[in-house]
PDB file of N, CA and C in Angstrom:
ATOM      1  N   MET A   1      40.319 -19.958 -74.303  1.00  0.00           N
ATOM      2  CA  MET A   1      40.495 -21.405 -74.411  1.00  0.00           C
ATOM      3  C   MET A   1      40.019 -22.064 -73.123  1.00  0.00           C
ATOM      4  N   ASN A   2      39.452 -23.248 -73.242  1.00  0.00           N
ATOM      5  CA  ASN A   2      38.865 -23.934 -72.102  1.00  0.00           C
ATOM      6  C   ASN A   2      39.810 -24.918 -71.409  1.00  0.00           C
ATOM      7  N   GLY A   3      41.049 -25.026 -71.831  1.00  0.00           N
ATOM      8  CA  GLY A   3      42.003 -25.917 -71.192  1.00  0.00           C
ATOM      9  C   GLY A   3      42.069 -27.311 -71.793  1.00  0.00           C
ATOM     10  N   TRP A   4      41.361 -27.555 -72.866  1.00  0.00           N
ATOM     11  CA  TRP A   4      41.409 -28.847 -73.544  1.00  0.00           C
ATOM     12  C   TRP A   4      41.044 -28.672 -75.008  1.00  0.00           C
ATOM     13  N   ARG A   5      41.400 -29.651 -75.803  1.00  0.00           N
ATOM     14  CA  ARG A   5      41.011 -29.650 -77.215  1.00  0.00           C
ATOM     15  C   ARG A   5      41.038 -31.071 -77.767  1.00  0.00           C
ATOM     16  N   VAL A   6      40.150 -31.326 -78.687  1.00  0.00           N
ATOM     17  CA  VAL A   6      40.118 -32.593 -79.400  1.00  0.00           C
ATOM     18  C   VAL A   6      40.888 -32.401 -80.703  1.00  0.00           C
ATOM     19  N   ILE A   7      41.764 -33.343 -80.990  1.00  0.00           N
ATOM     20  CA  ILE A   7      42.534 -33.295 -82.227  1.00  0.00           C
ATOM     21  C   ILE A   7      41.908 -34.327 -83.166  1.00  0.00           C
ATOM     22  N   ASP A   8      41.313 -33.842 -84.240  1.00  0.00           N
ATOM     23  CA  ASP A   8      40.549 -34.719 -85.134  1.00  0.00           C
ATOM     24  C   ASP A   8      41.396 -35.742 -85.854  1.00  0.00           C
ATOM     25  N   ARG A   9      42.560 -35.342 -86.335  1.00  0.00           N
ATOM     26  CA  ARG A   9      43.407 -36.274 -87.072  1.00  0.00           C
ATOM     27  C   ARG A   9      44.827 -35.718 -87.110  1.00  0.00           C
ATOM     28  N   PRO A  10      45.799 -36.613 -87.242  1.00  0.00           N
ATOM     29  CA  PRO A  10      47.182 -36.139 -87.360  1.00  0.00           C
ATOM     30  C   PRO A  10      47.409 -35.488 -88.715  1.00  0.00           C
ATOM     31  N   VAL A  11      48.510 -34.752 -88.814  1.00  0.00           N
ATOM     32  CA  VAL A  11      48.916 -34.117 -90.058  1.00  0.00           C
ATOM     33  C   VAL A  11      50.103 -34.898 -90.617  1.00  0.00           C
ATOM     34  N   ARG A  12      49.987 -35.357 -91.852  1.00  0.00           N
ATOM     35  CA  ARG A  12      51.074 -36.093 -92.490  1.00  0.00           C
ATOM     36  C   ARG A  12      52.163 -35.113 -92.904  1.00  0.00           C
ATOM     37  N   ILE A  13      53.395 -35.455 -92.563  1.00  0.00           N
ATOM     38  CA  ILE A  13      54.549 -34.623 -92.906  1.00  0.00           C
ATOM     39  C   ILE A  13      55.350 -35.376 -93.964  1.00  0.00           C
ATOM     40  N   PRO A  14      55.431 -34.839 -95.174  1.00  0.00           N
ATOM     41  CA  PRO A  14      56.152 -35.559 -96.238  1.00  0.00           C
ATOM     42  C   PRO A  14      57.658 -35.551 -95.991  1.00  0.00           C
ATOM     43  N   VAL A  15      58.256 -36.730 -96.125  1.00  0.00           N
ATOM     44  CA  VAL A  15      59.708 -36.878 -95.993  1.00  0.00           C
ATOM     45  C   VAL A  15      60.187 -37.875 -97.048  1.00  0.00           C
ATOM     46  N   PRO A  16      61.443 -37.773 -97.458  1.00  0.00           N
ATOM     47  CA  PRO A  16      61.971 -38.747 -98.426  1.00  0.00           C
ATOM     48  C   PRO A  16      62.161 -40.119 -97.778  1.00  0.00           C
ATOM     49  N   GLY A  17      62.290 -41.136 -98.606  1.00  0.00           N
ATOM     50  CA  GLY A  17      62.618 -42.474 -98.111  1.00  0.00           C
ATOM     51  C   GLY A  17      61.431 -43.314 -97.708  1.00  0.00           C
ATOM     52  N   ASP A  18      60.219 -42.938 -98.083  1.00  0.00           N
ATOM     53  CA  ASP A  18      59.020 -43.727 -97.805  1.00  0.00           C
ATOM     54  C   ASP A  18      58.685 -43.875 -96.329  1.00  0.00           C
ATOM     55  N   LYS A  19      59.273 -43.066 -95.469  1.00  0.00           N
ATOM     56  CA  LYS A  19      58.926 -43.090 -94.054  1.00  0.00           C
ATOM     57  C   LYS A  19      57.626 -42.308 -93.862  1.00  0.00           C
ATOM     58  N   LEU A  20      56.724 -42.854 -93.061  1.00  0.00           N
ATOM     59  CA  LEU A  20      55.467 -42.191 -92.744  1.00  0.00           C
ATOM     60  C   LEU A  20      55.625 -41.431 -91.435  1.00  0.00           C
ATOM     61  N   ILE A  21      55.312 -40.139 -91.468  1.00  0.00           N
ATOM     62  CA  ILE A  21      55.290 -39.332 -90.247  1.00  0.00           C
ATOM     63  C   ILE A  21      53.935 -38.649 -90.180  1.00  0.00           C
ATOM     64  N   GLU A  22      53.216 -38.890 -89.075  1.00  0.00           N
ATOM     65  CA  GLU A  22      51.944 -38.232 -88.820  1.00  0.00           C
ATOM     66  C   GLU A  22      52.039 -37.536 -87.472  1.00  0.00           C
ATOM     67  N   GLU A  23      52.094 -36.204 -87.506  1.00  0.00           N
ATOM     68  CA  GLU A  23      52.180 -35.454 -86.255  1.00  0.00           C
ATOM     69  C   GLU A  23      50.790 -35.324 -85.652  1.00  0.00           C
ATOM     70  N   VAL A  24      50.642 -35.825 -84.443  1.00  0.00           N
ATOM     71  CA  VAL A  24      49.380 -35.766 -83.720  1.00  0.00           C
ATOM     72  C   VAL A  24      49.260 -34.438 -82.980  1.00  0.00           C
ATOM     73  N   PHE A  25      50.381 -33.989 -82.416  1.00  0.00           N
ATOM     74  CA  PHE A  25      50.406 -32.764 -81.612  1.00  0.00           C
ATOM     75  C   PHE A  25      51.762 -32.117 -81.798  1.00  0.00           C
ATOM     76  N   GLY A  26      51.779 -30.819 -82.039  1.00  0.00           N
ATOM     77  CA  GLY A  26      53.054 -30.124 -82.176  1.00  0.00           C
ATOM     78  C   GLY A  26      52.951 -28.920 -83.082  1.00  0.00           C
ATOM     79  N   ARG A  27      54.096 -28.432 -83.518  1.00  0.00           N
ATOM     80  CA  ARG A  27      54.165 -27.198 -84.308  1.00  0.00           C
ATOM     81  C   ARG A  27      53.316 -27.252 -85.572  1.00  0.00           C
ATOM     82  N   VAL A  28      53.380 -28.363 -86.319  1.00  0.00           N
ATOM     83  CA  VAL A  28      52.669 -28.460 -87.597  1.00  0.00           C
ATOM     84  C   VAL A  28      51.171 -28.687 -87.386  1.00  0.00           C
ATOM     85  N   SER A  29      50.813 -29.628 -86.519  1.00  0.00           N
ATOM     86  CA  SER A  29      49.415 -30.041 -86.400  1.00  0.00           C
ATOM     87  C   SER A  29      48.571 -29.123 -85.524  1.00  0.00           C
ATOM     88  N   THR A  30      49.152 -28.599 -84.451  1.00  0.00           N
ATOM     89  CA  THR A  30      48.356 -27.789 -83.510  1.00  0.00           C
ATOM     90  C   THR A  30      48.945 -26.415 -83.240  1.00  0.00           C
ATOM     91  N   GLY A  31      50.143 -26.150 -83.767  1.00  0.00           N
ATOM     92  CA  GLY A  31      50.786 -24.857 -83.536  1.00  0.00           C
ATOM     93  C   GLY A  31      51.418 -24.727 -82.166  1.00  0.00           C
ATOM     94  N   ASP A  32      51.568 -25.814 -81.449  1.00  0.00           N
ATOM     95  CA  ASP A  32      52.125 -25.785 -80.098  1.00  0.00           C
ATOM     96  C   ASP A  32      53.609 -26.130 -80.154  1.00  0.00           C
ATOM     97  N   ASP A  33      54.456 -25.310 -79.542  1.00  0.00           N
ATOM     98  CA  ASP A  33      55.897 -25.569 -79.591  1.00  0.00           C
ATOM     99  C   ASP A  33      56.451 -26.185 -78.309  1.00  0.00           C
ATOM    100  N   ARG A  34      55.586 -26.485 -77.332  1.00  0.00           N
ATOM    101  CA  ARG A  34      56.069 -27.058 -76.067  1.00  0.00           C
ATOM    102  C   ARG A  34      56.501 -28.508 -76.208  1.00  0.00           C
ATOM    103  N   MET A  35      55.768 -29.277 -77.015  1.00  0.00           N
ATOM    104  CA  MET A  35      56.111 -30.676 -77.231  1.00  0.00           C
ATOM    105  C   MET A  35      55.459 -31.123 -78.529  1.00  0.00           C
ATOM    106  N   SER A  36      55.952 -32.234 -79.063  1.00  0.00           N
ATOM    107  CA  SER A  36      55.308 -32.829 -80.226  1.00  0.00           C
ATOM    108  C   SER A  36      55.198 -34.330 -80.017  1.00  0.00           C
ATOM    109  N   VAL A  37      54.150 -34.888 -80.615  1.00  0.00           N
ATOM    110  CA  VAL A  37      53.920 -36.333 -80.606  1.00  0.00           C
ATOM    111  C   VAL A  37      53.663 -36.735 -82.047  1.00  0.00           C
ATOM    112  N   ALA A  38      54.447 -37.681 -82.538  1.00  0.00           N
ATOM    113  CA  ALA A  38      54.288 -38.132 -83.924  1.00  0.00           C
ATOM    114  C   ALA A  38      54.256 -39.653 -83.978  1.00  0.00           C
ATOM    115  N   HIS A  39      53.384 -40.156 -84.842  1.00  0.00           N
ATOM    116  CA  HIS A  39      53.308 -41.585 -85.140  1.00  0.00           C
ATOM    117  C   HIS A  39      54.147 -41.811 -86.396  1.00  0.00           C
ATOM    118  N   MET A  40      55.014 -42.820 -86.368  1.00  0.00           N
ATOM    119  CA  MET A  40      55.912 -43.034 -87.491  1.00  0.00           C
ATOM    120  C   MET A  40      55.965 -44.509 -87.872  1.00  0.00           C
ATOM    121  N   ILE A  41      56.122 -44.743 -89.171  1.00  0.00           N
ATOM    122  CA  ILE A  41      56.385 -46.087 -89.673  1.00  0.00           C
ATOM    123  C   ILE A  41      57.606 -45.994 -90.585  1.00  0.00           C
ATOM    124  N   ALA A  42      58.672 -46.703 -90.175  1.00  0.00           N
ATOM    125  CA  ALA A  42      59.920 -46.723 -90.941  1.00  0.00           C
ATOM    126  C   ALA A  42      59.969 -48.022 -91.735  1.00  0.00           C
ATOM    127  N   PRO A  43      60.064 -47.933 -93.068  1.00  0.00           N
ATOM    128  CA  PRO A  43      60.094 -49.145 -93.893  1.00  0.00           C
ATOM    129  C   PRO A  43      61.405 -49.905 -93.715  1.00  0.00           C
ATOM    130  N   PRO A  44      61.428 -51.170 -94.107  1.00  0.00           N
ATOM    131  CA  PRO A  44      62.682 -51.931 -94.063  1.00  0.00           C
ATOM    132  C   PRO A  44      63.766 -51.213 -94.868  1.00  0.00           C
ATOM    133  N   GLY A  45      64.975 -51.184 -94.312  1.00  0.00           N
ATOM    134  CA  GLY A  45      66.103 -50.562 -94.999  1.00  0.00           C
ATOM    135  C   GLY A  45      66.204 -49.068 -94.825  1.00  0.00           C
ATOM    136  N   TRP A  46      65.286 -48.448 -94.094  1.00  0.00           N
ATOM    137  CA  TRP A  46      65.289 -46.995 -93.910  1.00  0.00           C
ATOM    138  C   TRP A  46      66.381 -46.573 -92.929  1.00  0.00           C
ATOM    139  N   GLY A  47      66.919 -45.392 -93.163  1.00  0.00           N
ATOM    140  CA  GLY A  47      67.854 -44.783 -92.226  1.00  0.00           C
ATOM    141  C   GLY A  47      67.889 -43.292 -92.486  1.00  0.00           C
ATOM    142  N   GLU A  48      68.282 -42.525 -91.486  1.00  0.00           N
ATOM    143  CA  GLU A  48      68.379 -41.081 -91.656  1.00  0.00           C
ATOM    144  C   GLU A  48      69.759 -40.621 -91.213  1.00  0.00           C
ATOM    145  N   PRO A  49      70.156 -39.420 -91.625  1.00  0.00           N
ATOM    146  CA  PRO A  49      71.461 -38.906 -91.197  1.00  0.00           C
ATOM    147  C   PRO A  49      71.512 -38.706 -89.679  1.00  0.00           C
ATOM    148  N   ALA A  50      72.698 -38.743 -89.141  1.00  0.00           N
ATOM    149  CA  ALA A  50      72.860 -38.440 -87.719  1.00  0.00           C
ATOM    150  C   ALA A  50      72.436 -36.998 -87.478  1.00  0.00           C
ATOM    151  N   GLN A  51      72.005 -36.731 -86.252  1.00  0.00           N
ATOM    152  CA  GLN A  51      71.601 -35.383 -85.880  1.00  0.00           C
ATOM    153  C   GLN A  51      71.996 -35.121 -84.432  1.00  0.00           C
ATOM    154  N   LYS A  52      72.010 -33.870 -84.064  1.00  0.00           N
ATOM    155  CA  LYS A  52      72.302 -33.460 -82.695  1.00  0.00           C
ATOM    156  C   LYS A  52      71.216 -32.453 -82.310  1.00  0.00           C
ATOM    157  N   PRO A  53      69.993 -32.959 -82.070  1.00  0.00           N
ATOM    158  CA  PRO A  53      68.840 -32.074 -81.918  1.00  0.00           C
ATOM    159  C   PRO A  53      68.874 -31.220 -80.654  1.00  0.00           C
ATOM    160  N   ARG A  54      68.210 -30.109 -80.748  1.00  0.00           N
ATOM    161  CA  ARG A  54      68.067 -29.193 -79.611  1.00  0.00           C
ATOM    162  C   ARG A  54      66.823 -29.516 -78.795  1.00  0.00           C
ATOM    163  N   PHE A  55      66.302 -30.746 -78.955  1.00  0.00           N
ATOM    164  CA  PHE A  55      65.158 -31.207 -78.172  1.00  0.00           C
ATOM    165  C   PHE A  55      65.459 -32.609 -77.660  1.00  0.00           C
ATOM    166  N   GLY A  56      64.861 -32.971 -76.535  1.00  0.00           N
ATOM    167  CA  GLY A  56      64.931 -34.341 -76.056  1.00  0.00           C
ATOM    168  C   GLY A  56      63.885 -35.152 -76.797  1.00  0.00           C
ATOM    169  N   GLU A  57      64.143 -36.443 -76.977  1.00  0.00           N
ATOM    170  CA  GLU A  57      63.203 -37.271 -77.731  1.00  0.00           C
ATOM    171  C   GLU A  57      63.006 -38.627 -77.060  1.00  0.00           C
ATOM    172  N   LEU A  58      61.742 -38.965 -76.847  1.00  0.00           N
ATOM    173  CA  LEU A  58      61.360 -40.278 -76.342  1.00  0.00           C
ATOM    174  C   LEU A  58      60.825 -41.076 -77.521  1.00  0.00           C
ATOM    175  N   THR A  59      61.447 -42.202 -77.814  1.00  0.00           N
ATOM    176  CA  THR A  59      61.009 -43.101 -78.876  1.00  0.00           C
ATOM    177  C   THR A  59      60.357 -44.312 -78.213  1.00  0.00           C
ATOM    178  N   VAL A  60      59.091 -44.581 -78.569  1.00  0.00           N
ATOM    179  CA  VAL A  60      58.351 -45.714 -78.021  1.00  0.00           C
ATOM    180  C   VAL A  60      58.068 -46.666 -79.180  1.00  0.00           C
ATOM    181  N   LEU A  61      58.754 -47.800 -79.196  1.00  0.00           N
ATOM    182  CA  LEU A  61      58.638 -48.737 -80.304  1.00  0.00           C
ATOM    183  C   LEU A  61      57.433 -49.653 -80.087  1.00  0.00           C
ATOM    184  N   VAL A  62      56.513 -49.618 -81.039  1.00  0.00           N
ATOM    185  CA  VAL A  62      55.274 -50.389 -80.958  1.00  0.00           C
ATOM    186  C   VAL A  62      55.426 -51.738 -81.658  1.00  0.00           C
ATOM    187  N   ARG A  63      56.098 -51.724 -82.808  1.00  0.00           N
ATOM    188  CA  ARG A  63      56.192 -52.932 -83.632  1.00  0.00           C
ATOM    189  C   ARG A  63      57.522 -52.919 -84.369  1.00  0.00           C
ATOM    190  N   GLY A  64      58.145 -54.086 -84.496  1.00  0.00           N
ATOM    191  CA  GLY A  64      59.397 -54.200 -85.230  1.00  0.00           C
ATOM    192  C   GLY A  64      60.615 -53.963 -84.358  1.00  0.00           C
ATOM    193  N   ARG A  65      61.706 -53.614 -85.027  1.00  0.00           N
ATOM    194  CA  ARG A  65      62.970 -53.316 -84.341  1.00  0.00           C
ATOM    195  C   ARG A  65      63.560 -52.060 -84.948  1.00  0.00           C
ATOM    196  N   MET A  66      64.460 -51.445 -84.209  1.00  0.00           N
ATOM    197  CA  MET A  66      65.136 -50.249 -84.692  1.00  0.00           C
ATOM    198  C   MET A  66      66.557 -50.234 -84.146  1.00  0.00           C
ATOM    199  N   ARG A  67      67.477 -49.776 -84.972  1.00  0.00           N
ATOM    200  CA  ARG A  67      68.857 -49.583 -84.529  1.00  0.00           C
ATOM    201  C   ARG A  67      69.060 -48.090 -84.302  1.00  0.00           C
ATOM    202  N   VAL A  68      69.678 -47.753 -83.170  1.00  0.00           N
ATOM    203  CA  VAL A  68      69.949 -46.362 -82.825  1.00  0.00           C
ATOM    204  C   VAL A  68      71.421 -46.250 -82.473  1.00  0.00           C
ATOM    205  N   GLU A  69      72.112 -45.292 -83.113  1.00  0.00           N
ATOM    206  CA  GLU A  69      73.517 -45.019 -82.805  1.00  0.00           C
ATOM    207  C   GLU A  69      73.556 -43.769 -81.952  1.00  0.00           C
ATOM    208  N   LEU A  70      74.239 -43.855 -80.816  1.00  0.00           N
ATOM    209  CA  LEU A  70      74.222 -42.775 -79.827  1.00  0.00           C
ATOM    210  C   LEU A  70      75.617 -42.259 -79.512  1.00  0.00           C
ATOM    211  N   GLY A  71      75.697 -40.951 -79.316  1.00  0.00           N
ATOM    212  CA  GLY A  71      76.935 -40.315 -78.899  1.00  0.00           C
ATOM    213  C   GLY A  71      77.908 -40.097 -80.042  1.00  0.00           C
ATOM    214  N   GLU A  72      78.987 -39.433 -79.731  1.00  0.00           N
ATOM    215  CA  GLU A  72      80.002 -39.113 -80.737  1.00  0.00           C
ATOM    216  C   GLU A  72      80.673 -40.374 -81.289  1.00  0.00           C
ATOM    217  N   ASP A  73      80.695 -41.459 -80.487  1.00  0.00           N
ATOM    218  CA  ASP A  73      81.307 -42.705 -80.956  1.00  0.00           C
ATOM    219  C   ASP A  73      80.295 -43.621 -81.642  1.00  0.00           C
ATOM    220  N   ALA A  74      79.035 -43.158 -81.809  1.00  0.00           N
ATOM    221  CA  ALA A  74      77.973 -43.893 -82.507  1.00  0.00           C
ATOM    222  C   ALA A  74      77.751 -45.284 -81.915  1.00  0.00           C
ATOM    223  N   THR A  75      77.702 -45.371 -80.586  1.00  0.00           N
ATOM    224  CA  THR A  75      77.430 -46.636 -79.910  1.00  0.00           C
ATOM    225  C   THR A  75      76.076 -47.174 -80.354  1.00  0.00           C
ATOM    226  N   PRO A  76      76.041 -48.378 -80.971  1.00  0.00           N
ATOM    227  CA  PRO A  76      74.760 -48.895 -81.463  1.00  0.00           C
ATOM    228  C   PRO A  76      73.985 -49.624 -80.369  1.00  0.00           C
ATOM    229  N   ILE A  77      72.662 -49.394 -80.363  1.00  0.00           N
ATOM    230  CA  ILE A  77      71.769 -50.191 -79.530  1.00  0.00           C
ATOM    231  C   ILE A  77      70.624 -50.631 -80.426  1.00  0.00           C
ATOM    232  N   GLU A  78      69.972 -51.703 -80.033  1.00  0.00           N
ATOM    233  CA  GLU A  78      68.824 -52.193 -80.784  1.00  0.00           C
ATOM    234  C   GLU A  78      67.605 -52.145 -79.884  1.00  0.00           C
ATOM    235  N   LEU A  79      66.548 -51.512 -80.386  1.00  0.00           N
ATOM    236  CA  LEU A  79      65.277 -51.466 -79.659  1.00  0.00           C
ATOM    237  C   LEU A  79      64.346 -52.514 -80.231  1.00  0.00           C
ATOM    238  N   ALA A  80      63.560 -53.146 -79.366  1.00  0.00           N
ATOM    239  CA  ALA A  80      62.550 -54.116 -79.784  1.00  0.00           C
ATOM    240  C   ALA A  80      61.180 -53.583 -79.401  1.00  0.00           C
ATOM    241  N   ALA A  81      60.153 -54.122 -80.033  1.00  0.00           N
ATOM    242  CA  ALA A  81      58.778 -53.714 -79.740  1.00  0.00           C
ATOM    243  C   ALA A  81      58.527 -53.762 -78.233  1.00  0.00           C
ATOM    244  N   GLY A  82      57.893 -52.718 -77.735  1.00  0.00           N
ATOM    245  CA  GLY A  82      57.604 -52.616 -76.303  1.00  0.00           C
ATOM    246  C   GLY A  82      58.634 -51.825 -75.524  1.00  0.00           C
ATOM    247  N   GLN A  83      59.800 -51.579 -76.115  1.00  0.00           N
ATOM    248  CA  GLN A  83      60.835 -50.802 -75.437  1.00  0.00           C
ATOM    249  C   GLN A  83      60.727 -49.331 -75.815  1.00  0.00           C
ATOM    250  N   ALA A  84      61.334 -48.500 -74.977  1.00  0.00           N
ATOM    251  CA  ALA A  84      61.380 -47.058 -75.223  1.00  0.00           C
ATOM    252  C   ALA A  84      62.799 -46.570 -74.959  1.00  0.00           C
ATOM    253  N   LEU A  85      63.134 -45.451 -75.587  1.00  0.00           N
ATOM    254  CA  LEU A  85      64.459 -44.848 -75.425  1.00  0.00           C
ATOM    255  C   LEU A  85      64.299 -43.346 -75.290  1.00  0.00           C
ATOM    256  N   TRP A  86      64.886 -42.768 -74.247  1.00  0.00           N
ATOM    257  CA  TRP A  86      64.934 -41.316 -74.075  1.00  0.00           C
ATOM    258  C   TRP A  86      66.338 -40.852 -74.438  1.00  0.00           C
ATOM    259  N   VAL A  87      66.430 -39.827 -75.290  1.00  0.00           N
ATOM    260  CA  VAL A  87      67.711 -39.223 -75.664  1.00  0.00           C
ATOM    261  C   VAL A  87      67.623 -37.738 -75.335  1.00  0.00           C
ATOM    262  N   GLU A  88      68.537 -37.265 -74.510  1.00  0.00           N
ATOM    263  CA  GLU A  88      68.569 -35.849 -74.117  1.00  0.00           C
ATOM    264  C   GLU A  88      68.902 -34.959 -75.311  1.00  0.00           C
ATOM    265  N   ALA A  89      68.534 -33.699 -75.207  1.00  0.00           N
ATOM    266  CA  ALA A  89      68.899 -32.706 -76.213  1.00  0.00           C
ATOM    267  C   ALA A  89      70.416 -32.634 -76.329  1.00  0.00           C
ATOM    268  N   ASP A  90      70.903 -32.304 -77.517  1.00  0.00           N
ATOM    269  CA  ASP A  90      72.326 -32.097 -77.808  1.00  0.00           C
ATOM    270  C   ASP A  90      73.173 -33.369 -77.769  1.00  0.00           C
ATOM    271  N   VAL A  91      72.519 -34.543 -77.794  1.00  0.00           N
ATOM    272  CA  VAL A  91      73.232 -35.820 -77.909  1.00  0.00           C
ATOM    273  C   VAL A  91      73.141 -36.259 -79.368  1.00  0.00           C
ATOM    274  N   ARG A  92      74.276 -36.629 -79.944  1.00  0.00           N
ATOM    275  CA  ARG A  92      74.287 -37.089 -81.341  1.00  0.00           C
ATOM    276  C   ARG A  92      73.563 -38.430 -81.418  1.00  0.00           C
ATOM    277  N   VAL A  93      72.649 -38.545 -82.398  1.00  0.00           N
ATOM    278  CA  VAL A  93      71.834 -39.749 -82.525  1.00  0.00           C
ATOM    279  C   VAL A  93      71.527 -40.012 -83.995  1.00  0.00           C
ATOM    280  N   ARG A  94      71.448 -41.293 -84.343  1.00  0.00           N
ATOM    281  CA  ARG A  94      71.050 -41.684 -85.698  1.00  0.00           C
ATOM    282  C   ARG A  94      70.098 -42.865 -85.579  1.00  0.00           C
ATOM    283  N   TYR A  95      68.921 -42.727 -86.183  1.00  0.00           N
ATOM    284  CA  TYR A  95      67.896 -43.770 -86.165  1.00  0.00           C
ATOM    285  C   TYR A  95      67.898 -44.506 -87.507  1.00  0.00           C
ATOM    286  N   ALA A  96      67.704 -45.847 -87.466  1.00  0.00           N
ATOM    287  CA  ALA A  96      67.653 -46.633 -88.694  1.00  0.00           C
ATOM    288  C   ALA A  96      66.831 -47.895 -88.471  1.00  0.00           C
ATOM    289  N   ASN A  97      66.290 -48.396 -89.576  1.00  0.00           N
ATOM    290  CA  ASN A  97      65.617 -49.692 -89.587  1.00  0.00           C
ATOM    291  C   ASN A  97      66.279 -50.547 -90.673  1.00  0.00           C
ATOM    292  N   PRO A  98      67.398 -51.197 -90.341  1.00  0.00           N
ATOM    293  CA  PRO A  98      68.066 -52.026 -91.331  1.00  0.00           C
ATOM    294  C   PRO A  98      67.470 -53.427 -91.447  1.00  0.00           C
ATOM    295  N   PHE A  99      66.350 -53.653 -90.791  1.00  0.00           N
ATOM    296  CA  PHE A  99      65.755 -54.983 -90.709  1.00  0.00           C
ATOM    297  C   PHE A  99      64.748 -55.220 -91.839  1.00  0.00           C
ATOM    298  N   ASP A 100      64.216 -56.435 -91.908  1.00  0.00           N
ATOM    299  CA  ASP A 100      63.332 -56.845 -93.004  1.00  0.00           C
ATOM    300  C   ASP A 100      61.871 -56.468 -92.814  1.00  0.00           C
ATOM    301  N   ALA A 101      61.486 -55.967 -91.648  1.00  0.00           N
ATOM    302  CA  ALA A 101      60.086 -55.627 -91.370  1.00  0.00           C
ATOM    303  C   ALA A 101      59.970 -54.156 -90.986  1.00  0.00           C
ATOM    304  N   GLU A 102      58.788 -53.603 -91.175  1.00  0.00           N
ATOM    305  CA  GLU A 102      58.537 -52.214 -90.775  1.00  0.00           C
ATOM    306  C   GLU A 102      58.772 -52.036 -89.274  1.00  0.00           C
ATOM    307  N   ALA A 103      59.138 -50.819 -88.896  1.00  0.00           N
ATOM    308  CA  ALA A 103      59.226 -50.433 -87.487  1.00  0.00           C
ATOM    309  C   ALA A 103      58.180 -49.340 -87.266  1.00  0.00           C
ATOM    310  N   GLU A 104      57.284 -49.555 -86.330  1.00  0.00           N
ATOM    311  CA  GLU A 104      56.255 -48.565 -86.000  1.00  0.00           C
ATOM    312  C   GLU A 104      56.548 -48.021 -84.618  1.00  0.00           C
ATOM    313  N   TYR A 105      56.523 -46.696 -84.505  1.00  0.00           N
ATOM    314  CA  TYR A 105      56.864 -46.087 -83.217  1.00  0.00           C
ATOM    315  C   TYR A 105      56.229 -44.715 -83.076  1.00  0.00           C
ATOM    316  N   PHE A 106      56.267 -44.226 -81.853  1.00  0.00           N
ATOM    317  CA  PHE A 106      55.860 -42.858 -81.551  1.00  0.00           C
ATOM    318  C   PHE A 106      57.088 -42.108 -81.077  1.00  0.00           C
ATOM    319  N   ALA A 107      57.192 -40.856 -81.490  1.00  0.00           N
ATOM    320  CA  ALA A 107      58.278 -39.979 -81.043  1.00  0.00           C
ATOM    321  C   ALA A 107      57.646 -38.798 -80.309  1.00  0.00           C
ATOM    322  N   ILE A 108      58.098 -38.572 -79.086  1.00  0.00           N
ATOM    323  CA  ILE A 108      57.640 -37.442 -78.279  1.00  0.00           C
ATOM    324  C   ILE A 108      58.853 -36.539 -78.076  1.00  0.00           C
ATOM    325  N   CYS A 109      58.762 -35.296 -78.546  1.00  0.00           N
ATOM    326  CA  CYS A 109      59.896 -34.366 -78.482  1.00  0.00           C
ATOM    327  C   CYS A 109      59.566 -33.200 -77.555  1.00  0.00           C
ATOM    328  N   LEU A 110      60.546 -32.841 -76.713  1.00  0.00           N
ATOM    329  CA  LEU A 110      60.430 -31.715 -75.792  1.00  0.00           C
ATOM    330  C   LEU A 110      61.636 -30.812 -75.948  1.00  0.00           C
ATOM    331  N   PRO A 111      61.514 -29.561 -76.397  1.00  0.00           N
ATOM    332  CA  PRO A 111      60.314 -28.952 -76.954  1.00  0.00           C
ATOM    333  C   PRO A 111      59.951 -29.608 -78.284  1.00  0.00           C
ATOM    334  N   ALA A 112      58.910 -29.103 -78.916  1.00  0.00           N
ATOM    335  CA  ALA A 112      58.378 -29.708 -80.134  1.00  0.00           C
ATOM    336  C   ALA A 112      59.421 -29.765 -81.247  1.00  0.00           C
ATOM    337  N   PHE A 113      59.322 -30.824 -82.050  1.00  0.00           N
ATOM    338  CA  PHE A 113      60.186 -30.983 -83.208  1.00  0.00           C
ATOM    339  C   PHE A 113      60.025 -29.813 -84.173  1.00  0.00           C
ATOM    340  N   ALA A 114      61.132 -29.399 -84.739  1.00  0.00           N
ATOM    341  CA  ALA A 114      61.164 -28.454 -85.859  1.00  0.00           C
ATOM    342  C   ALA A 114      62.408 -28.815 -86.668  1.00  0.00           C
ATOM    343  N   PRO A 115      62.322 -28.759 -88.000  1.00  0.00           N
ATOM    344  CA  PRO A 115      63.477 -29.160 -88.816  1.00  0.00           C
ATOM    345  C   PRO A 115      64.764 -28.424 -88.451  1.00  0.00           C
ATOM    346  N   ASP A 116      64.682 -27.129 -88.151  1.00  0.00           N
ATOM    347  CA  ASP A 116      65.900 -26.387 -87.824  1.00  0.00           C
ATOM    348  C   ASP A 116      66.473 -26.760 -86.470  1.00  0.00           C
ATOM    349  N   LEU A 117      65.657 -27.332 -85.585  1.00  0.00           N
ATOM    350  CA  LEU A 117      66.146 -27.776 -84.276  1.00  0.00           C
ATOM    351  C   LEU A 117      66.792 -29.158 -84.334  1.00  0.00           C
ATOM    352  N   ALA A 118      66.532 -29.913 -85.412  1.00  0.00           N
ATOM    353  CA  ALA A 118      67.067 -31.279 -85.529  1.00  0.00           C
ATOM    354  C   ALA A 118      68.574 -31.280 -85.759  1.00  0.00           C
ATOM    355  N   ARG A 119      69.074 -30.263 -86.452  1.00  0.00           N
ATOM    356  CA  ARG A 119      70.500 -30.152 -86.744  1.00  0.00           C
ATOM    357  C   ARG A 119      71.060 -31.445 -87.338  1.00  0.00           C
ATOM    358  N   ARG A 120      70.474 -31.857 -88.472  1.00  0.00           N
ATOM    359  CA  ARG A 120      70.915 -33.065 -89.165  1.00  0.00           C
ATOM    360  C   ARG A 120      72.265 -32.846 -89.835  1.00  0.00           C
ATOM    361  N   GLU A 121      73.084 -33.891 -89.811  1.00  0.00           N
ATOM    362  CA  GLU A 121      74.367 -33.840 -90.512  1.00  0.00           C
ATOM    363  C   GLU A 121      74.111 -34.043 -91.998  1.00  0.00           C
ATOM    364  N   SER A 122      74.979 -33.477 -92.824  1.00  0.00           N
ATOM    365  CA  SER A 122      74.783 -33.617 -94.286  1.00  0.00           C
ATOM    366  C   SER A 122      75.308 -34.951 -94.764  1.00  0.00           C
TER     367      SER A 122
END
């Protein structure tokens, strides 16, 4: 390997709830488990179960708003376009878009995202 690579296109990861996930770099798209970068669009009214992932996650909100519940007490915060949020591994977190417009963001996970590492609540 020459120390660099061009990534032609992201890989779409199918998920329920009409959320768009396109992994640009990571386990699915490039086979790399050190980190993942995904472009996401969450439709209005979208939400996912709380999770306590074994990876840290940086959320960079490009467009719209997002509600994030953090910690065991589910402290809510609201992110606006242009803001970012870092959540350490093993912190309980729940992401949602209860608003009327799409939320577009990038998620950077260290190490790379994997469904079994997300530890989603049922």
